[in-house]
Amino acid sequence: LAETGTAPVRLVKATDERFSSAAETT
């Protein structure tokens, strides 16, 4: 989203863990 979005998106810190589909989508 940071690469293709219309507004700048800066990912400060993020975990690469996977979660449930509903949680990730929300």
mmCIF file of all heavy atoms, coordinates in Angstrom:
data_MODEL
# 
_entry.id   MODEL 
# 
loop_
_atom_site.group_PDB 
_atom_site.id 
_atom_site.type_symbol 
_atom_site.label_atom_id 
_atom_site.label_alt_id 
_atom_site.label_comp_id 
_atom_site.label_asym_id 
_atom_site.label_entity_id 
_atom_site.label_seq_id 
_atom_site.pdbx_PDB_ins_code 
_atom_site.Cartn_x 
_atom_site.Cartn_y 
_atom_site.Cartn_z 
_atom_site.occupancy 
_atom_site.B_iso_or_equiv 
_atom_site.pdbx_formal_charge 
_atom_site.auth_seq_id 
_atom_site.auth_comp_id 
_atom_site.auth_asym_id 
_atom_site.auth_atom_id 
_atom_site.pdbx_PDB_model_num 
ATOM 1   N N   . LEU A 1 1  ? 0.836   -1.206  0.000  1.00 0.00 ? 1  LEU A N   1 
ATOM 2   C CA  . LEU A 1 1  ? 0.000   0.000   0.000  1.00 0.00 ? 1  LEU A CA  1 
ATOM 3   C C   . LEU A 1 1  ? 0.866   1.249   0.000  1.00 0.00 ? 1  LEU A C   1 
ATOM 4   O O   . LEU A 1 1  ? 0.519   2.256   -0.629 1.00 0.00 ? 1  LEU A O   1 
ATOM 5   C CB  . LEU A 1 1  ? -0.923  -0.023  1.218  1.00 0.00 ? 1  LEU A CB  1 
ATOM 6   C CG  . LEU A 1 1  ? -1.903  1.147   1.366  1.00 0.00 ? 1  LEU A CG  1 
ATOM 7   C CD1 . LEU A 1 1  ? -2.903  1.146   0.221  1.00 0.00 ? 1  LEU A CD1 1 
ATOM 8   C CD2 . LEU A 1 1  ? -2.638  1.068   2.704  1.00 0.00 ? 1  LEU A CD2 1 
ATOM 9   N N   . ALA A 1 2  ? 2.004   1.185   0.686  1.00 0.00 ? 2  ALA A N   1 
ATOM 10  C CA  . ALA A 1 2  ? 2.913   2.331   0.698  1.00 0.00 ? 2  ALA A CA  1 
ATOM 11  C C   . ALA A 1 2  ? 3.487   2.613   -0.687 1.00 0.00 ? 2  ALA A C   1 
ATOM 12  O O   . ALA A 1 2  ? 3.795   3.766   -1.027 1.00 0.00 ? 2  ALA A O   1 
ATOM 13  C CB  . ALA A 1 2  ? 4.045   2.086   1.696  1.00 0.00 ? 2  ALA A CB  1 
ATOM 14  N N   . GLU A 1 3  ? 3.619   1.565   -1.506 1.00 0.00 ? 3  GLU A N   1 
ATOM 15  C CA  . GLU A 1 3  ? 4.185   1.735   -2.846 1.00 0.00 ? 3  GLU A CA  1 
ATOM 16  C C   . GLU A 1 3  ? 3.144   2.183   -3.862 1.00 0.00 ? 3  GLU A C   1 
ATOM 17  O O   . GLU A 1 3  ? 3.460   2.904   -4.805 1.00 0.00 ? 3  GLU A O   1 
ATOM 18  C CB  . GLU A 1 3  ? 4.822   0.420   -3.296 1.00 0.00 ? 3  GLU A CB  1 
ATOM 19  C CG  . GLU A 1 3  ? 6.000   -0.015  -2.433 1.00 0.00 ? 3  GLU A CG  1 
ATOM 20  C CD  . GLU A 1 3  ? 6.529   -1.378  -2.851 1.00 0.00 ? 3  GLU A CD  1 
ATOM 21  O OE1 . GLU A 1 3  ? 5.940   -1.969  -3.783 1.00 0.00 ? 3  GLU A OE1 1 
ATOM 22  O OE2 . GLU A 1 3  ? 7.504   -1.857  -2.241 1.00 0.00 ? 3  GLU A OE2 1 
ATOM 23  N N   . THR A 1 4  ? 1.911   1.751   -3.690 1.00 0.00 ? 4  THR A N   1 
ATOM 24  C CA  . THR A 1 4  ? 0.889   2.009   -4.707 1.00 0.00 ? 4  THR A CA  1 
ATOM 25  C C   . THR A 1 4  ? -0.182  2.999   -4.265 1.00 0.00 ? 4  THR A C   1 
ATOM 26  O O   . THR A 1 4  ? -0.985  3.436   -5.081 1.00 0.00 ? 4  THR A O   1 
ATOM 27  C CB  . THR A 1 4  ? 0.190   0.699   -5.088 1.00 0.00 ? 4  THR A CB  1 
ATOM 28  O OG1 . THR A 1 4  ? -0.442  0.134   -3.910 1.00 0.00 ? 4  THR A OG1 1 
ATOM 29  C CG2 . THR A 1 4  ? 1.195   -0.305  -5.642 1.00 0.00 ? 4  THR A CG2 1 
ATOM 30  N N   . GLY A 1 5  ? -0.230  3.368   -2.983 1.00 0.00 ? 5  GLY A N   1 
ATOM 31  C CA  . GLY A 1 5  ? -1.280  4.240   -2.489 1.00 0.00 ? 5  GLY A CA  1 
ATOM 32  C C   . GLY A 1 5  ? -1.102  5.679   -2.937 1.00 0.00 ? 5  GLY A C   1 
ATOM 33  O O   . GLY A 1 5  ? -0.028  6.117   -3.344 1.00 0.00 ? 5  GLY A O   1 
ATOM 34  N N   . THR A 1 6  ? -2.194  6.426   -2.840 1.00 0.00 ? 6  THR A N   1 
ATOM 35  C CA  . THR A 1 6  ? -2.158  7.843   -3.239 1.00 0.00 ? 6  THR A CA  1 
ATOM 36  C C   . THR A 1 6  ? -1.510  8.716   -2.180 1.00 0.00 ? 6  THR A C   1 
ATOM 37  O O   . THR A 1 6  ? -0.999  9.793   -2.498 1.00 0.00 ? 6  THR A O   1 
ATOM 38  C CB  . THR A 1 6  ? -3.594  8.323   -3.489 1.00 0.00 ? 6  THR A CB  1 
ATOM 39  O OG1 . THR A 1 6  ? -4.374  8.107   -2.305 1.00 0.00 ? 6  THR A OG1 1 
ATOM 40  C CG2 . THR A 1 6  ? -4.231  7.554   -4.639 1.00 0.00 ? 6  THR A CG2 1 
ATOM 41  N N   . ALA A 1 7  ? -1.546  8.295   -0.912 1.00 0.00 ? 7  ALA A N   1 
ATOM 42  C CA  . ALA A 1 7  ? -0.936  9.069   0.167  1.00 0.00 ? 7  ALA A CA  1 
ATOM 43  C C   . ALA A 1 7  ? 0.249   8.292   0.731  1.00 0.00 ? 7  ALA A C   1 
ATOM 44  O O   . ALA A 1 7  ? 0.253   7.051   0.718  1.00 0.00 ? 7  ALA A O   1 
ATOM 45  C CB  . ALA A 1 7  ? -1.968  9.337   1.272  1.00 0.00 ? 7  ALA A CB  1 
ATOM 46  N N   . PRO A 1 8  ? 1.260   9.014   1.231  1.00 0.00 ? 8  PRO A N   1 
ATOM 47  C CA  . PRO A 1 8  ? 2.429   8.320   1.796  1.00 0.00 ? 8  PRO A CA  1 
ATOM 48  C C   . PRO A 1 8  ? 2.042   7.456   2.998  1.00 0.00 ? 8  PRO A C   1 
ATOM 49  O O   . PRO A 1 8  ? 1.309   7.897   3.876  1.00 0.00 ? 8  PRO A O   1 
ATOM 50  C CB  . PRO A 1 8  ? 3.357   9.468   2.209  1.00 0.00 ? 8  PRO A CB  1 
ATOM 51  C CG  . PRO A 1 8  ? 2.913   10.636  1.404  1.00 0.00 ? 8  PRO A CG  1 
ATOM 52  C CD  . PRO A 1 8  ? 1.442   10.481  1.220  1.00 0.00 ? 8  PRO A CD  1 
ATOM 53  N N   . VAL A 1 9  ? 2.556   6.242   3.019  1.00 0.00 ? 9  VAL A N   1 
ATOM 54  C CA  . VAL A 1 9  ? 2.326   5.320   4.125  1.00 0.00 ? 9  VAL A CA  1 
ATOM 55  C C   . VAL A 1 9  ? 3.694   4.892   4.645  1.00 0.00 ? 9  VAL A C   1 
ATOM 56  O O   . VAL A 1 9  ? 4.481   4.279   3.917  1.00 0.00 ? 9  VAL A O   1 
ATOM 57  C CB  . VAL A 1 9  ? 1.513   4.086   3.690  1.00 0.00 ? 9  VAL A CB  1 
ATOM 58  C CG1 . VAL A 1 9  ? 1.368   3.113   4.863  1.00 0.00 ? 9  VAL A CG1 1 
ATOM 59  C CG2 . VAL A 1 9  ? 0.151   4.500   3.175  1.00 0.00 ? 9  VAL A CG2 1 
ATOM 60  N N   . ARG A 1 10 ? 3.972   5.219   5.915  1.00 0.00 ? 10 ARG A N   1 
ATOM 61  C CA  . ARG A 1 10 ? 5.270   4.878   6.496  1.00 0.00 ? 10 ARG A CA  1 
ATOM 62  C C   . ARG A 1 10 ? 5.059   3.773   7.538  1.00 0.00 ? 10 ARG A C   1 
ATOM 63  O O   . ARG A 1 10 ? 4.319   3.961   8.508  1.00 0.00 ? 10 ARG A O   1 
ATOM 64  C CB  . ARG A 1 10 ? 5.916   6.090   7.160  1.00 0.00 ? 10 ARG A CB  1 
ATOM 65  C CG  . ARG A 1 10 ? 7.325   5.833   7.678  1.00 0.00 ? 10 ARG A CG  1 
ATOM 66  C CD  . ARG A 1 10 ? 7.989   7.135   8.077  1.00 0.00 ? 10 ARG A CD  1 
ATOM 67  N NE  . ARG A 1 10 ? 7.383   7.711   9.265  1.00 0.00 ? 10 ARG A NE  1 
ATOM 68  C CZ  . ARG A 1 10 ? 7.837   7.508   10.514 1.00 0.00 ? 10 ARG A CZ  1 
ATOM 69  N NH1 . ARG A 1 10 ? 8.888   6.721   10.715 1.00 0.00 ? 10 ARG A NH1 1 
ATOM 70  N NH2 . ARG A 1 10 ? 7.239   8.079   11.527 1.00 0.00 ? 10 ARG A NH2 1 
ATOM 71  N N   . LEU A 1 11 ? 5.685   2.632   7.289  1.00 0.00 ? 11 LEU A N   1 
ATOM 72  C CA  . LEU A 1 11 ? 5.583   1.504   8.207  1.00 0.00 ? 11 LEU A CA  1 
ATOM 73  C C   . LEU A 1 11 ? 6.713   1.629   9.229  1.00 0.00 ? 11 LEU A C   1 
ATOM 74  O O   . LEU A 1 11 ? 7.874   1.320   8.941  1.00 0.00 ? 11 LEU A O   1 
ATOM 75  C CB  . LEU A 1 11 ? 5.672   0.175   7.444  1.00 0.00 ? 11 LEU A CB  1 
ATOM 76  C CG  . LEU A 1 11 ? 5.348   -1.084  8.235  1.00 0.00 ? 11 LEU A CG  1 
ATOM 77  C CD1 . LEU A 1 11 ? 3.940   -1.020  8.807  1.00 0.00 ? 11 LEU A CD1 1 
ATOM 78  C CD2 . LEU A 1 11 ? 5.501   -2.325  7.358  1.00 0.00 ? 11 LEU A CD2 1 
ATOM 79  N N   . VAL A 1 12 ? 6.365   2.109   10.427 1.00 0.00 ? 12 VAL A N   1 
ATOM 80  C CA  . VAL A 1 12 ? 7.371   2.343   11.456 1.00 0.00 ? 12 VAL A CA  1 
ATOM 81  C C   . VAL A 1 12 ? 7.929   1.026   11.984 1.00 0.00 ? 12 VAL A C   1 
ATOM 82  O O   . VAL A 1 12 ? 9.141   0.822   12.054 1.00 0.00 ? 12 VAL A O   1 
ATOM 83  C CB  . VAL A 1 12 ? 6.758   3.163   12.613 1.00 0.00 ? 12 VAL A CB  1 
ATOM 84  C CG1 . VAL A 1 12 ? 7.791   3.391   13.720 1.00 0.00 ? 12 VAL A CG1 1 
ATOM 85  C CG2 . VAL A 1 12 ? 6.229   4.486   12.096 1.00 0.00 ? 12 VAL A CG2 1 
ATOM 86  N N   . LYS A 1 13 ? 7.061   0.125   12.357 1.00 0.00 ? 13 LYS A N   1 
ATOM 87  C CA  . LYS A 1 13 ? 7.463   -1.157  12.901 1.00 0.00 ? 13 LYS A CA  1 
ATOM 88  C C   . LYS A 1 13 ? 6.333   -2.149  12.670 1.00 0.00 ? 13 LYS A C   1 
ATOM 89  O O   . LYS A 1 13 ? 5.162   -1.812  12.835 1.00 0.00 ? 13 LYS A O   1 
ATOM 90  C CB  . LYS A 1 13 ? 7.761   -1.045  14.400 1.00 0.00 ? 13 LYS A CB  1 
ATOM 91  C CG  . LYS A 1 13 ? 8.307   -2.314  15.027 1.00 0.00 ? 13 LYS A CG  1 
ATOM 92  C CD  . LYS A 1 13 ? 8.611   -2.089  16.511 1.00 0.00 ? 13 LYS A CD  1 
ATOM 93  C CE  . LYS A 1 13 ? 9.152   -3.349  17.160 1.00 0.00 ? 13 LYS A CE  1 
ATOM 94  N NZ  . LYS A 1 13 ? 9.429   -3.156  18.612 1.00 0.00 ? 13 LYS A NZ  1 
ATOM 95  N N   . ALA A 1 14 ? 6.698   -3.356  12.299 1.00 0.00 ? 14 ALA A N   1 
ATOM 96  C CA  . ALA A 1 14 ? 5.652   -4.345  12.015 1.00 0.00 ? 14 ALA A CA  1 
ATOM 97  C C   . ALA A 1 14 ? 6.175   -5.745  12.275 1.00 0.00 ? 14 ALA A C   1 
ATOM 98  O O   . ALA A 1 14 ? 7.353   -6.044  12.054 1.00 0.00 ? 14 ALA A O   1 
ATOM 99  C CB  . ALA A 1 14 ? 5.178   -4.236  10.561 1.00 0.00 ? 14 ALA A CB  1 
ATOM 100 N N   . THR A 1 15 ? 5.308   -6.589  12.769 1.00 0.00 ? 15 THR A N   1 
ATOM 101 C CA  . THR A 1 15 ? 5.619   -8.009  12.920 1.00 0.00 ? 15 THR A CA  1 
ATOM 102 C C   . THR A 1 15 ? 5.224   -8.749  11.661 1.00 0.00 ? 15 THR A C   1 
ATOM 103 O O   . THR A 1 15 ? 4.224   -8.405  11.014 1.00 0.00 ? 15 THR A O   1 
ATOM 104 C CB  . THR A 1 15 ? 4.869   -8.596  14.135 1.00 0.00 ? 15 THR A CB  1 
ATOM 105 O OG1 . THR A 1 15 ? 5.098   -10.009 14.182 1.00 0.00 ? 15 THR A OG1 1 
ATOM 106 C CG2 . THR A 1 15 ? 3.364   -8.373  14.031 1.00 0.00 ? 15 THR A CG2 1 
ATOM 107 N N   . ASP A 1 16 ? 6.020   -9.739  11.287 1.00 0.00 ? 16 ASP A N   1 
ATOM 108 C CA  . ASP A 1 16 ? 5.716   -10.535 10.095 1.00 0.00 ? 16 ASP A CA  1 
ATOM 109 C C   . ASP A 1 16 ? 4.898   -11.777 10.433 1.00 0.00 ? 16 ASP A C   1 
ATOM 110 O O   . ASP A 1 16 ? 4.764   -12.670 9.592  1.00 0.00 ? 16 ASP A O   1 
ATOM 111 C CB  . ASP A 1 16 ? 7.022   -10.947 9.406  1.00 0.00 ? 16 ASP A CB  1 
ATOM 112 C CG  . ASP A 1 16 ? 7.722   -9.765  8.762  1.00 0.00 ? 16 ASP A CG  1 
ATOM 113 O OD1 . ASP A 1 16 ? 7.011   -8.857  8.267  1.00 0.00 ? 16 ASP A OD1 1 
ATOM 114 O OD2 . ASP A 1 16 ? 8.970   -9.727  8.763  1.00 0.00 ? 16 ASP A OD2 1 
ATOM 115 N N   . GLU A 1 17 ? 4.371   -11.846 11.659 1.00 0.00 ? 17 GLU A N   1 
ATOM 116 C CA  . GLU A 1 17 ? 3.533   -12.991 12.028 1.00 0.00 ? 17 GLU A CA  1 
ATOM 117 C C   . GLU A 1 17 ? 2.255   -12.995 11.199 1.00 0.00 ? 17 GLU A C   1 
ATOM 118 O O   . GLU A 1 17 ? 1.779   -11.947 10.750 1.00 0.00 ? 17 GLU A O   1 
ATOM 119 C CB  . GLU A 1 17 ? 3.156   -12.922 13.516 1.00 0.00 ? 17 GLU A CB  1 
ATOM 120 C CG  . GLU A 1 17 ? 4.327   -13.070 14.463 1.00 0.00 ? 17 GLU A CG  1 
ATOM 121 C CD  . GLU A 1 17 ? 3.850   -13.027 15.919 1.00 0.00 ? 17 GLU A CD  1 
ATOM 122 O OE1 . GLU A 1 17 ? 3.089   -13.931 16.319 1.00 0.00 ? 17 GLU A OE1 1 
ATOM 123 O OE2 . GLU A 1 17 ? 4.231   -12.085 16.625 1.00 0.00 ? 17 GLU A OE2 1 
ATOM 124 N N   . ARG A 1 18 ? 1.708   -14.184 11.016 1.00 0.00 ? 18 ARG A N   1 
ATOM 125 C CA  . ARG A 1 18 ? 0.423   -14.324 10.336 1.00 0.00 ? 18 ARG A CA  1 
ATOM 126 C C   . ARG A 1 18 ? -0.681  -14.477 11.372 1.00 0.00 ? 18 ARG A C   1 
ATOM 127 O O   . ARG A 1 18 ? -0.498  -15.124 12.403 1.00 0.00 ? 18 ARG A O   1 
ATOM 128 C CB  . ARG A 1 18 ? 0.419   -15.536 9.404  1.00 0.00 ? 18 ARG A CB  1 
ATOM 129 C CG  . ARG A 1 18 ? 1.375   -15.445 8.245  1.00 0.00 ? 18 ARG A CG  1 
ATOM 130 C CD  . ARG A 1 18 ? 1.138   -14.196 7.387  1.00 0.00 ? 18 ARG A CD  1 
ATOM 131 N NE  . ARG A 1 18 ? -0.222  -14.059 6.917  1.00 0.00 ? 18 ARG A NE  1 
ATOM 132 C CZ  . ARG A 1 18 ? -0.658  -14.526 5.743  1.00 0.00 ? 18 ARG A CZ  1 
ATOM 133 N NH1 . ARG A 1 18 ? 0.183   -15.156 4.944  1.00 0.00 ? 18 ARG A NH1 1 
ATOM 134 N NH2 . ARG A 1 18 ? -1.913  -14.350 5.372  1.00 0.00 ? 18 ARG A NH2 1 
ATOM 135 N N   . PHE A 1 19 ? -1.830  -13.884 11.087 1.00 0.00 ? 19 PHE A N   1 
ATOM 136 C CA  . PHE A 1 19 ? -2.973  -13.937 11.968 1.00 0.00 ? 19 PHE A CA  1 
ATOM 137 C C   . PHE A 1 19 ? -4.171  -14.482 11.198 1.00 0.00 ? 19 PHE A C   1 
ATOM 138 O O   . PHE A 1 19 ? -4.061  -14.835 10.024 1.00 0.00 ? 19 PHE A O   1 
ATOM 139 C CB  . PHE A 1 19 ? -3.267  -12.541 12.537 1.00 0.00 ? 19 PHE A CB  1 
ATOM 140 C CG  . PHE A 1 19 ? -2.088  -11.895 13.206 1.00 0.00 ? 19 PHE A CG  1 
ATOM 141 C CD1 . PHE A 1 19 ? -1.253  -11.031 12.510 1.00 0.00 ? 19 PHE A CD1 1 
ATOM 142 C CD2 . PHE A 1 19 ? -1.794  -12.182 14.528 1.00 0.00 ? 19 PHE A CD2 1 
ATOM 143 C CE1 . PHE A 1 19 ? -0.153  -10.449 13.117 1.00 0.00 ? 19 PHE A CE1 1 
ATOM 144 C CE2 . PHE A 1 19 ? -0.704  -11.606 15.152 1.00 0.00 ? 19 PHE A CE2 1 
ATOM 145 C CZ  . PHE A 1 19 ? 0.118   -10.749 14.447 1.00 0.00 ? 19 PHE A CZ  1 
ATOM 146 N N   . SER A 1 20 ? -5.300  -14.533 11.857 1.00 0.00 ? 20 SER A N   1 
ATOM 147 C CA  . SER A 1 20 ? -6.501  -15.020 11.176 1.00 0.00 ? 20 SER A CA  1 
ATOM 148 C C   . SER A 1 20 ? -6.853  -14.071 10.035 1.00 0.00 ? 20 SER A C   1 
ATOM 149 O O   . SER A 1 20 ? -6.530  -12.878 10.056 1.00 0.00 ? 20 SER A O   1 
ATOM 150 C CB  . SER A 1 20 ? -7.665  -15.113 12.156 1.00 0.00 ? 20 SER A CB  1 
ATOM 151 O OG  . SER A 1 20 ? -8.043  -13.826 12.614 1.00 0.00 ? 20 SER A OG  1 
ATOM 152 N N   . SER A 1 21 ? -7.536  -14.615 9.020  1.00 0.00 ? 21 SER A N   1 
ATOM 153 C CA  . SER A 1 21 ? -7.888  -13.813 7.851  1.00 0.00 ? 21 SER A CA  1 
ATOM 154 C C   . SER A 1 21 ? -8.743  -12.616 8.231  1.00 0.00 ? 21 SER A C   1 
ATOM 155 O O   . SER A 1 21 ? -8.537  -11.500 7.742  1.00 0.00 ? 21 SER A O   1 
ATOM 156 C CB  . SER A 1 21 ? -8.635  -14.686 6.836  1.00 0.00 ? 21 SER A CB  1 
ATOM 157 O OG  . SER A 1 21 ? -9.090  -13.920 5.739  1.00 0.00 ? 21 SER A OG  1 
ATOM 158 N N   . ALA A 1 22 ? -9.720  -12.830 9.142  1.00 0.00 ? 22 ALA A N   1 
ATOM 159 C CA  . ALA A 1 22 ? -10.599 -11.727 9.539  1.00 0.00 ? 22 ALA A CA  1 
ATOM 160 C C   . ALA A 1 22 ? -9.817  -10.632 10.245 1.00 0.00 ? 22 ALA A C   1 
ATOM 161 O O   . ALA A 1 22 ? -10.036 -9.429  10.003 1.00 0.00 ? 22 ALA A O   1 
ATOM 162 C CB  . ALA A 1 22 ? -11.709 -12.257 10.441 1.00 0.00 ? 22 ALA A CB  1 
ATOM 163 N N   . ALA A 1 23 ? -8.884  -11.014 11.134 1.00 0.00 ? 23 ALA A N   1 
ATOM 164 C CA  . ALA A 1 23 ? -8.099  -10.011 11.867 1.00 0.00 ? 23 ALA A CA  1 
ATOM 165 C C   . ALA A 1 23 ? -7.191  -9.228  10.916 1.00 0.00 ? 23 ALA A C   1 
ATOM 166 O O   . ALA A 1 23 ? -7.092  -7.998  11.008 1.00 0.00 ? 23 ALA A O   1 
ATOM 167 C CB  . ALA A 1 23 ? -7.280  -10.688 12.957 1.00 0.00 ? 23 ALA A CB  1 
ATOM 168 N N   . GLU A 1 24 ? -6.516  -9.940  9.987  1.00 0.00 ? 24 GLU A N   1 
ATOM 169 C CA  . GLU A 1 24 ? -5.617  -9.255  9.058  1.00 0.00 ? 24 GLU A CA  1 
ATOM 170 C C   . GLU A 1 24 ? -6.394  -8.327  8.127  1.00 0.00 ? 24 GLU A C   1 
ATOM 171 O O   . GLU A 1 24 ? -5.963  -7.192  7.875  1.00 0.00 ? 24 GLU A O   1 
ATOM 172 C CB  . GLU A 1 24 ? -4.830  -10.279 8.249  1.00 0.00 ? 24 GLU A CB  1 
ATOM 173 C CG  . GLU A 1 24 ? -3.770  -11.014 9.049  1.00 0.00 ? 24 GLU A CG  1 
ATOM 174 C CD  . GLU A 1 24 ? -2.924  -11.929 8.179  1.00 0.00 ? 24 GLU A CD  1 
ATOM 175 O OE1 . GLU A 1 24 ? -3.357  -12.247 7.044  1.00 0.00 ? 24 GLU A OE1 1 
ATOM 176 O OE2 . GLU A 1 24 ? -1.839  -12.316 8.625  1.00 0.00 ? 24 GLU A OE2 1 
ATOM 177 N N   . THR A 1 25 ? -7.530  -8.778  7.623  1.00 0.00 ? 25 THR A N   1 
ATOM 178 C CA  . THR A 1 25 ? -8.318  -7.940  6.717  1.00 0.00 ? 25 THR A CA  1 
ATOM 179 C C   . THR A 1 25 ? -8.816  -6.694  7.428  1.00 0.00 ? 25 THR A C   1 
ATOM 180 O O   . THR A 1 25 ? -8.763  -5.579  6.891  1.00 0.00 ? 25 THR A O   1 
ATOM 181 C CB  . THR A 1 25 ? -9.498  -8.746  6.157  1.00 0.00 ? 25 THR A CB  1 
ATOM 182 O OG1 . THR A 1 25 ? -9.009  -9.898  5.476  1.00 0.00 ? 25 THR A OG1 1 
ATOM 183 C CG2 . THR A 1 25 ? -10.306 -7.904  5.183  1.00 0.00 ? 25 THR A CG2 1 
ATOM 184 N N   . THR A 1 26 ? -9.313  -6.844  8.644  1.00 0.00 ? 26 THR A N   1 
ATOM 185 C CA  . THR A 1 26 ? -9.817  -5.696  9.393  1.00 0.00 ? 26 THR A CA  1 
ATOM 186 C C   . THR A 1 26 ? -8.701  -4.698  9.674  1.00 0.00 ? 26 THR A C   1 
ATOM 187 O O   . THR A 1 26 ? -8.881  -3.480  9.517  1.00 0.00 ? 26 THR A O   1 
ATOM 188 C CB  . THR A 1 26 ? -10.441 -6.168  10.719 1.00 0.00 ? 26 THR A CB  1 
ATOM 189 O OG1 . THR A 1 26 ? -11.492 -7.104  10.434 1.00 0.00 ? 26 THR A OG1 1 
ATOM 190 C CG2 . THR A 1 26 ? -11.001 -5.002  11.502 1.00 0.00 ? 26 THR A CG2 1 
# 
